N, C-alpha and C. Protein backbone atom coordinates (compact mmCIF):
# COMPACT_ATOMS: atom_id res chain seq x y z
N MET A 1 24.15 -23.29 19.43
CA MET A 1 23.68 -23.25 18.51
C MET A 1 22.22 -24.12 18.42
N ALA A 2 21.97 -24.21 19.55
CA ALA A 2 19.92 -24.70 19.30
C ALA A 2 19.37 -23.51 19.31
N ILE A 3 19.83 -22.07 20.34
CA ILE A 3 19.11 -21.00 19.91
C ILE A 3 19.18 -20.66 18.15
N ALA A 4 20.03 -20.87 17.83
CA ALA A 4 20.10 -20.56 16.19
C ALA A 4 18.74 -21.04 15.74
N LEU A 5 18.75 -22.64 15.74
CA LEU A 5 17.83 -23.29 15.11
C LEU A 5 16.36 -22.79 15.22
N THR A 6 16.52 -22.69 16.72
CA THR A 6 15.01 -22.43 17.29
C THR A 6 14.90 -20.96 16.63
N LEU A 7 15.78 -20.35 16.37
CA LEU A 7 15.08 -19.00 15.69
C LEU A 7 14.51 -18.94 14.45
N LEU A 8 15.73 -19.78 13.72
CA LEU A 8 15.63 -19.80 12.17
C LEU A 8 14.09 -20.63 12.09
N LEU A 9 13.99 -21.83 13.18
CA LEU A 9 12.38 -22.37 13.31
C LEU A 9 11.77 -21.40 13.06
N VAL A 10 11.53 -20.60 14.07
CA VAL A 10 10.35 -19.08 14.28
C VAL A 10 10.50 -18.76 13.13
N LEU A 11 11.56 -18.07 12.83
CA LEU A 11 11.55 -17.10 11.48
C LEU A 11 10.85 -17.89 10.90
N LEU A 12 10.77 -19.44 10.11
CA LEU A 12 10.45 -20.05 9.07
C LEU A 12 8.99 -20.34 9.02
N VAL A 13 8.45 -20.33 10.21
CA VAL A 13 7.27 -20.51 10.69
C VAL A 13 6.46 -19.58 10.48
N ALA A 14 6.93 -18.14 10.64
CA ALA A 14 6.32 -16.66 10.49
C ALA A 14 6.24 -16.45 9.20
N ALA A 15 7.34 -16.72 8.31
CA ALA A 15 7.21 -16.43 6.94
C ALA A 15 6.12 -17.43 6.45
N LEU A 16 6.12 -18.65 6.92
CA LEU A 16 4.80 -19.57 6.32
C LEU A 16 3.54 -19.10 6.59
N VAL A 17 3.37 -18.75 7.83
CA VAL A 17 2.33 -17.65 8.21
C VAL A 17 1.83 -16.66 7.27
N LEU A 18 2.73 -15.62 7.42
CA LEU A 18 2.50 -14.61 6.70
C LEU A 18 2.00 -14.93 5.14
N VAL A 19 3.33 -15.90 4.44
CA VAL A 19 2.34 -16.30 2.81
C VAL A 19 1.07 -16.90 3.12
N GLY A 20 0.73 -17.66 3.83
CA GLY A 20 -0.41 -18.49 3.86
C GLY A 20 -1.26 -16.96 4.07
N VAL A 21 -1.56 -16.55 5.29
CA VAL A 21 -2.66 -15.48 5.18
C VAL A 21 -2.59 -14.39 4.29
N SER A 22 -1.78 -13.84 3.57
CA SER A 22 -1.00 -13.45 2.23
C SER A 22 -2.60 -13.77 1.10
N ALA A 23 -1.96 -15.02 1.21
CA ALA A 23 -2.71 -15.70 -0.30
C ALA A 23 -3.86 -15.96 0.26
N VAL A 24 -4.45 -16.27 1.04
CA VAL A 24 -6.22 -16.50 1.47
C VAL A 24 -6.81 -15.11 1.25
N LEU A 25 -6.21 -13.86 1.96
CA LEU A 25 -7.52 -12.67 2.42
C LEU A 25 -7.53 -12.33 1.12
N PRO A 26 -8.53 -11.53 0.58
CA PRO A 26 -8.67 -10.66 -0.30
C PRO A 26 -7.86 -9.09 -0.37
N ASP A 27 -6.98 -8.96 -1.65
CA ASP A 27 -6.87 -7.23 -1.34
C ASP A 27 -7.83 -6.08 -1.43
N ASP A 28 -7.45 -5.29 -1.74
CA ASP A 28 -8.13 -4.00 -1.44
C ASP A 28 -9.26 -3.71 -2.74
N GLU A 29 -9.12 -4.85 -3.63
CA GLU A 29 -9.93 -4.32 -4.76
C GLU A 29 -10.79 -5.36 -4.68
N GLY A 30 -10.72 -6.73 -3.84
CA GLY A 30 -10.97 -7.41 -3.56
C GLY A 30 -10.77 -8.81 -4.25
N HIS A 31 -9.71 -9.04 -4.57
CA HIS A 31 -9.23 -10.09 -5.24
C HIS A 31 -8.32 -10.85 -4.41
N ARG A 32 -8.87 -12.13 -4.86
CA ARG A 32 -7.46 -13.12 -3.96
C ARG A 32 -6.33 -13.26 -4.87
N PRO A 33 -5.09 -13.38 -3.74
CA PRO A 33 -4.10 -13.36 -4.28
C PRO A 33 -3.72 -14.72 -5.44
N TRP A 34 -4.33 -16.16 -4.80
CA TRP A 34 -4.16 -17.10 -4.77
C TRP A 34 -5.19 -17.78 -6.32
N THR A 35 -5.95 -17.28 -6.13
CA THR A 35 -7.23 -17.22 -7.17
C THR A 35 -6.50 -16.31 -8.39
N GLY A 36 -5.83 -14.95 -8.30
CA GLY A 36 -5.43 -14.57 -9.19
C GLY A 36 -4.34 -15.29 -10.25
N LEU A 37 -3.63 -16.25 -8.90
CA LEU A 37 -2.30 -17.13 -9.55
C LEU A 37 -2.63 -17.49 -10.53
N ARG A 38 -3.55 -18.76 -9.95
CA ARG A 38 -3.93 -20.02 -10.83
C ARG A 38 -4.82 -19.29 -12.02
N GLU A 39 -5.53 -18.27 -11.96
CA GLU A 39 -5.88 -17.91 -13.35
C GLU A 39 -4.87 -17.23 -14.40
N GLY A 40 -4.06 -16.68 -13.97
CA GLY A 40 -2.84 -16.29 -15.06
C GLY A 40 -1.87 -17.23 -14.98
N TRP A 41 -1.90 -18.50 -14.36
CA TRP A 41 -1.41 -19.65 -14.79
C TRP A 41 -2.26 -20.31 -15.90
N ALA A 42 -3.17 -20.41 -15.52
CA ALA A 42 -3.81 -21.11 -16.51
C ALA A 42 -4.10 -20.70 -17.81
N ALA A 43 -4.35 -19.16 -17.66
CA ALA A 43 -3.61 -18.06 -19.29
C ALA A 43 -2.52 -18.23 -19.59
N ARG A 44 -1.45 -18.51 -18.67
CA ARG A 44 0.21 -18.58 -19.45
C ARG A 44 -0.14 -20.31 -20.08
N ARG A 45 -0.51 -21.33 -19.51
CA ARG A 45 -0.84 -22.42 -20.31
C ARG A 45 -1.65 -22.39 -21.78
N ALA A 46 -3.04 -21.63 -21.53
CA ALA A 46 -3.48 -21.65 -22.50
C ALA A 46 -3.08 -20.91 -23.90
N ALA A 47 -1.94 -19.68 -23.54
CA ALA A 47 -1.32 -19.42 -24.62
C ALA A 47 -0.34 -19.92 -25.10
N ARG A 48 0.50 -20.83 -24.32
CA ARG A 48 0.97 -21.51 -24.74
C ARG A 48 0.88 -22.87 -25.95
N SER A 49 -0.25 -23.08 -25.43
CA SER A 49 -1.05 -24.02 -26.23
C SER A 49 -1.84 -23.74 -27.78
N GLY A 50 -2.15 -22.33 -27.48
CA GLY A 50 -2.57 -22.20 -28.31
C GLY A 50 -3.90 -21.88 -28.15
N HIS A 51 -4.36 -22.01 -26.98
CA HIS A 51 -6.16 -21.88 -26.83
C HIS A 51 -6.43 -20.68 -26.13
N ASP A 52 -7.69 -20.47 -25.75
CA ASP A 52 -7.67 -19.07 -25.25
C ASP A 52 -7.71 -19.64 -23.65
N ALA A 53 -8.24 -18.27 -22.77
CA ALA A 53 -8.27 -18.42 -21.63
C ALA A 53 -9.54 -19.39 -21.27
N ASP A 54 -10.57 -19.20 -22.10
CA ASP A 54 -12.14 -19.59 -21.91
C ASP A 54 -11.84 -21.25 -21.90
N ALA A 55 -11.15 -21.58 -23.14
CA ALA A 55 -11.05 -23.15 -23.16
C ALA A 55 -10.24 -23.52 -21.97
N ALA A 56 -9.76 -23.34 -21.23
CA ALA A 56 -8.69 -23.22 -20.05
C ALA A 56 -9.64 -23.58 -19.09
N GLY A 57 -10.70 -23.33 -19.12
CA GLY A 57 -11.59 -23.53 -17.69
C GLY A 57 -11.53 -22.11 -16.67
N THR A 58 -11.17 -21.55 -17.17
CA THR A 58 -11.68 -20.34 -16.48
C THR A 58 -12.39 -19.32 -17.07
N PRO A 59 -13.59 -19.30 -17.44
CA PRO A 59 -14.72 -18.68 -18.28
C PRO A 59 -14.39 -17.05 -17.83
N GLY A 60 -14.03 -16.35 -18.68
CA GLY A 60 -14.04 -14.87 -18.52
C GLY A 60 -12.95 -13.89 -17.47
N THR A 61 -11.89 -14.88 -17.17
CA THR A 61 -10.87 -14.38 -16.77
C THR A 61 -9.84 -14.74 -17.54
N GLY A 62 -8.79 -14.37 -17.19
CA GLY A 62 -7.10 -14.55 -17.49
C GLY A 62 -6.94 -12.91 -18.38
N ALA A 63 -6.08 -13.03 -19.30
CA ALA A 63 -5.41 -12.34 -19.92
C ALA A 63 -6.25 -11.40 -21.19
N ASP A 64 -7.64 -12.63 -21.79
CA ASP A 64 -8.42 -11.87 -22.71
C ASP A 64 -9.17 -10.98 -21.75
N ALA A 65 -9.53 -11.56 -20.46
CA ALA A 65 -10.86 -10.37 -19.63
C ALA A 65 -9.99 -9.46 -19.23
N ALA A 66 -8.41 -8.78 -19.07
CA ALA A 66 -7.75 -8.47 -18.15
C ALA A 66 -7.58 -6.95 -19.44
N SER A 67 -7.30 -7.93 -20.31
CA SER A 67 -7.12 -6.64 -21.97
C SER A 67 -8.25 -6.48 -22.07
N ALA A 68 -9.25 -6.97 -22.19
CA ALA A 68 -10.90 -6.15 -22.37
C ALA A 68 -10.83 -5.34 -21.90
N GLY A 69 -11.05 -5.12 -20.31
CA GLY A 69 -11.17 -4.17 -19.57
C GLY A 69 -10.16 -3.12 -19.59
N ASP A 70 -8.82 -3.14 -19.93
CA ASP A 70 -8.07 -1.99 -20.09
C ASP A 70 -8.24 -1.58 -21.61
N ARG A 71 -8.73 -2.18 -22.64
CA ARG A 71 -9.57 -1.66 -23.92
C ARG A 71 -10.33 -0.83 -23.76
N GLU A 72 -11.25 -0.95 -23.06
CA GLU A 72 -12.40 -0.52 -22.27
C GLU A 72 -12.27 1.06 -21.76
N LEU A 73 -11.32 0.73 -21.34
CA LEU A 73 -10.68 2.39 -20.34
C LEU A 73 -9.77 2.75 -21.35
N VAL A 74 -9.23 2.65 -21.74
CA VAL A 74 -8.00 3.39 -23.46
C VAL A 74 -8.95 4.20 -24.26
N LEU A 75 -10.47 3.38 -24.62
CA LEU A 75 -11.17 3.81 -26.01
C LEU A 75 -12.24 4.99 -25.22
N ALA A 76 -12.41 4.95 -23.83
CA ALA A 76 -13.55 5.73 -23.03
C ALA A 76 -13.40 7.26 -23.57
N ASP A 77 -14.23 7.92 -23.69
CA ASP A 77 -14.01 9.60 -24.18
C ASP A 77 -13.62 10.16 -22.54
N PRO A 78 -12.39 11.26 -22.82
CA PRO A 78 -12.22 11.83 -21.80
C PRO A 78 -12.92 12.49 -20.90
N VAL A 79 -13.43 12.91 -19.63
CA VAL A 79 -14.14 14.00 -19.13
C VAL A 79 -13.83 15.44 -18.78
N ASP A 80 -14.29 16.30 -19.18
CA ASP A 80 -13.93 17.35 -19.08
C ASP A 80 -14.48 18.18 -17.54
N VAL A 81 -13.95 18.26 -16.60
CA VAL A 81 -14.04 18.61 -15.43
C VAL A 81 -12.92 19.94 -14.99
N SER A 82 -13.63 21.04 -14.51
CA SER A 82 -12.31 22.00 -14.01
C SER A 82 -12.08 21.34 -13.07
N LEU A 83 -11.18 22.63 -12.31
CA LEU A 83 -10.39 21.73 -11.24
C LEU A 83 -11.07 22.30 -9.97
N ALA A 84 -11.55 23.04 -9.69
CA ALA A 84 -13.07 23.75 -8.72
C ALA A 84 -13.80 22.23 -8.55
N GLU A 85 -14.39 21.82 -10.07
CA GLU A 85 -15.73 20.90 -9.48
C GLU A 85 -14.86 19.23 -8.77
N LEU A 86 -13.33 19.01 -9.66
CA LEU A 86 -12.91 18.17 -9.58
C LEU A 86 -12.64 17.88 -7.88
N LEU A 87 -12.19 19.29 -7.29
CA LEU A 87 -11.73 19.07 -5.96
C LEU A 87 -13.13 18.80 -4.68
N ARG A 88 -14.18 19.66 -5.50
CA ARG A 88 -15.33 19.82 -4.24
C ARG A 88 -15.63 18.14 -4.60
N SER A 89 -15.50 17.73 -5.37
CA SER A 89 -16.31 15.91 -5.42
C SER A 89 -15.25 15.24 -4.81
N THR A 90 -14.05 15.33 -4.69
CA THR A 90 -13.31 14.51 -3.89
C THR A 90 -12.95 14.61 -2.60
N VAL A 91 -13.05 16.15 -2.17
CA VAL A 91 -12.54 16.44 -0.85
C VAL A 91 -13.79 15.91 0.36
N GLU A 92 -13.03 15.56 1.42
CA GLU A 92 -13.17 15.06 2.65
C GLU A 92 -13.34 15.59 3.77
N ARG A 93 -14.97 15.35 4.55
CA ARG A 93 -15.03 16.25 5.48
C ARG A 93 -14.34 15.69 6.96
N GLY A 94 -14.10 16.69 7.81
CA GLY A 94 -13.93 16.24 8.98
C GLY A 94 -12.73 17.15 9.51
N ASP A 95 -11.66 16.41 10.22
CA ASP A 95 -10.49 16.95 11.23
C ASP A 95 -9.83 17.30 10.32
N ALA A 96 -9.29 18.49 10.17
CA ALA A 96 -7.92 18.49 9.46
C ALA A 96 -7.05 17.72 9.68
N TYR A 97 -5.98 17.30 9.06
CA TYR A 97 -4.90 16.62 8.87
C TYR A 97 -3.88 16.94 10.06
N VAL A 98 -3.43 18.81 10.09
CA VAL A 98 -2.51 18.59 11.36
C VAL A 98 -4.04 20.14 11.56
N ARG A 99 -3.63 19.91 13.26
CA ARG A 99 -4.03 20.87 13.81
C ARG A 99 -2.96 21.94 14.23
N VAL A 100 -3.47 23.52 13.82
CA VAL A 100 -2.53 24.20 14.05
C VAL A 100 -2.14 24.52 15.48
N ASP A 101 -3.29 24.48 16.12
CA ASP A 101 -3.06 25.12 17.85
C ASP A 101 -2.04 23.91 18.29
N GLU A 102 -2.51 22.64 18.12
CA GLU A 102 -1.68 21.77 18.65
C GLU A 102 -0.14 21.88 18.64
N LEU A 103 -0.22 22.19 17.05
CA LEU A 103 1.76 22.10 16.34
C LEU A 103 2.03 23.18 17.08
N ALA A 104 1.48 24.78 16.97
CA ALA A 104 2.16 25.73 17.80
C ALA A 104 2.17 25.76 19.26
N THR A 105 1.95 24.67 19.87
CA THR A 105 1.79 24.35 21.27
C THR A 105 3.11 23.35 21.45
N GLY A 106 3.26 22.80 20.70
CA GLY A 106 4.33 21.77 20.81
C GLY A 106 5.62 21.95 20.47
N LEU A 107 5.32 22.98 19.07
CA LEU A 107 6.69 23.57 18.85
C LEU A 107 7.28 25.03 19.80
N GLN A 108 6.21 25.56 20.66
CA GLN A 108 6.58 26.53 21.77
C GLN A 108 6.94 25.24 22.80
N ARG A 109 6.90 24.20 22.84
CA ARG A 109 7.08 23.91 24.20
C ARG A 109 8.77 23.34 24.12
N VAL A 110 8.78 22.77 22.50
CA VAL A 110 10.24 22.78 21.94
C VAL A 110 11.08 23.73 21.95
N THR A 111 10.76 24.80 21.45
CA THR A 111 11.80 26.00 21.39
C THR A 111 12.32 26.39 23.08
N GLU A 112 11.07 26.06 24.13
CA GLU A 112 11.52 26.73 25.42
C GLU A 112 12.84 25.58 25.76
N ARG A 113 12.07 24.60 26.00
CA ARG A 113 12.98 23.30 26.11
C ARG A 113 14.80 23.76 25.78
N ALA A 114 14.74 24.08 24.41
CA ALA A 114 15.89 24.27 23.85
C ALA A 114 16.46 25.44 24.29
N GLN A 115 15.83 26.67 24.86
CA GLN A 115 16.47 27.57 24.98
C GLN A 115 16.89 27.51 26.21
N GLU A 116 16.11 26.27 27.32
CA GLU A 116 16.73 25.91 28.72
C GLU A 116 17.68 25.25 28.47
N ARG A 117 18.06 24.38 27.54
CA ARG A 117 19.39 23.20 27.86
C ARG A 117 20.20 24.30 26.35
N THR A 118 20.31 24.85 26.40
CA THR A 118 21.42 26.08 25.27
C THR A 118 22.13 27.24 26.01
N SER A 119 20.98 27.45 26.91
CA SER A 119 21.18 28.53 27.96
C SER A 119 22.47 27.63 28.87
N GLY A 120 21.98 26.69 29.36
CA GLY A 120 23.13 26.16 30.51
C GLY A 120 24.38 25.71 29.65
N LEU A 121 24.42 25.40 28.46
CA LEU A 121 25.50 25.08 27.80
C LEU A 121 26.21 26.27 27.41
N LEU A 122 25.91 27.73 27.53
CA LEU A 122 26.24 28.28 26.47
C LEU A 122 27.13 28.94 28.01
N GLN A 123 26.28 29.28 29.38
CA GLN A 123 27.33 29.36 30.84
C GLN A 123 28.13 28.35 30.78
N HIS A 124 28.33 27.67 30.62
CA HIS A 124 29.62 26.23 30.37
C HIS A 124 30.27 26.75 29.86
N VAL A 125 30.07 27.48 28.54
CA VAL A 125 31.32 27.47 27.84
C VAL A 125 31.98 28.26 28.13
N ARG A 126 31.29 29.06 28.67
CA ARG A 126 31.87 30.52 28.99
C ARG A 126 32.54 30.67 30.18
N ARG A 127 32.12 29.79 31.14
CA ARG A 127 32.96 29.49 32.33
C ARG A 127 34.11 28.95 31.98
N GLY A 128 34.01 28.04 30.97
CA GLY A 128 35.04 27.44 30.67
C GLY A 128 36.40 27.27 30.02
């Protein structure tokens, strides 16, 4: 029983640490989740009370700012780019993801091992 309680306590502490760290550290876009949660909550309270997000004490944030950014993306003119130009601009230089020589060597070793194991198995089955 003591082991189960200790394990439960350890899991609870680990979960609290995980939630705390994820709330403090910024994501890939540089936004902090805790700040976003507070801004969203303020925007929601402002929407319920009939005020805009700026009156709720979060200038330039909240639902109005997000919808303005989305409107800009929707209203932007499309850019006509050829496929070759797109691929040239997005290509990454460096080693290839799959190295064919290493892959071929690994496959050769696996094939040899499989042949060794199956030949012994076939001899055993033929005798048997």
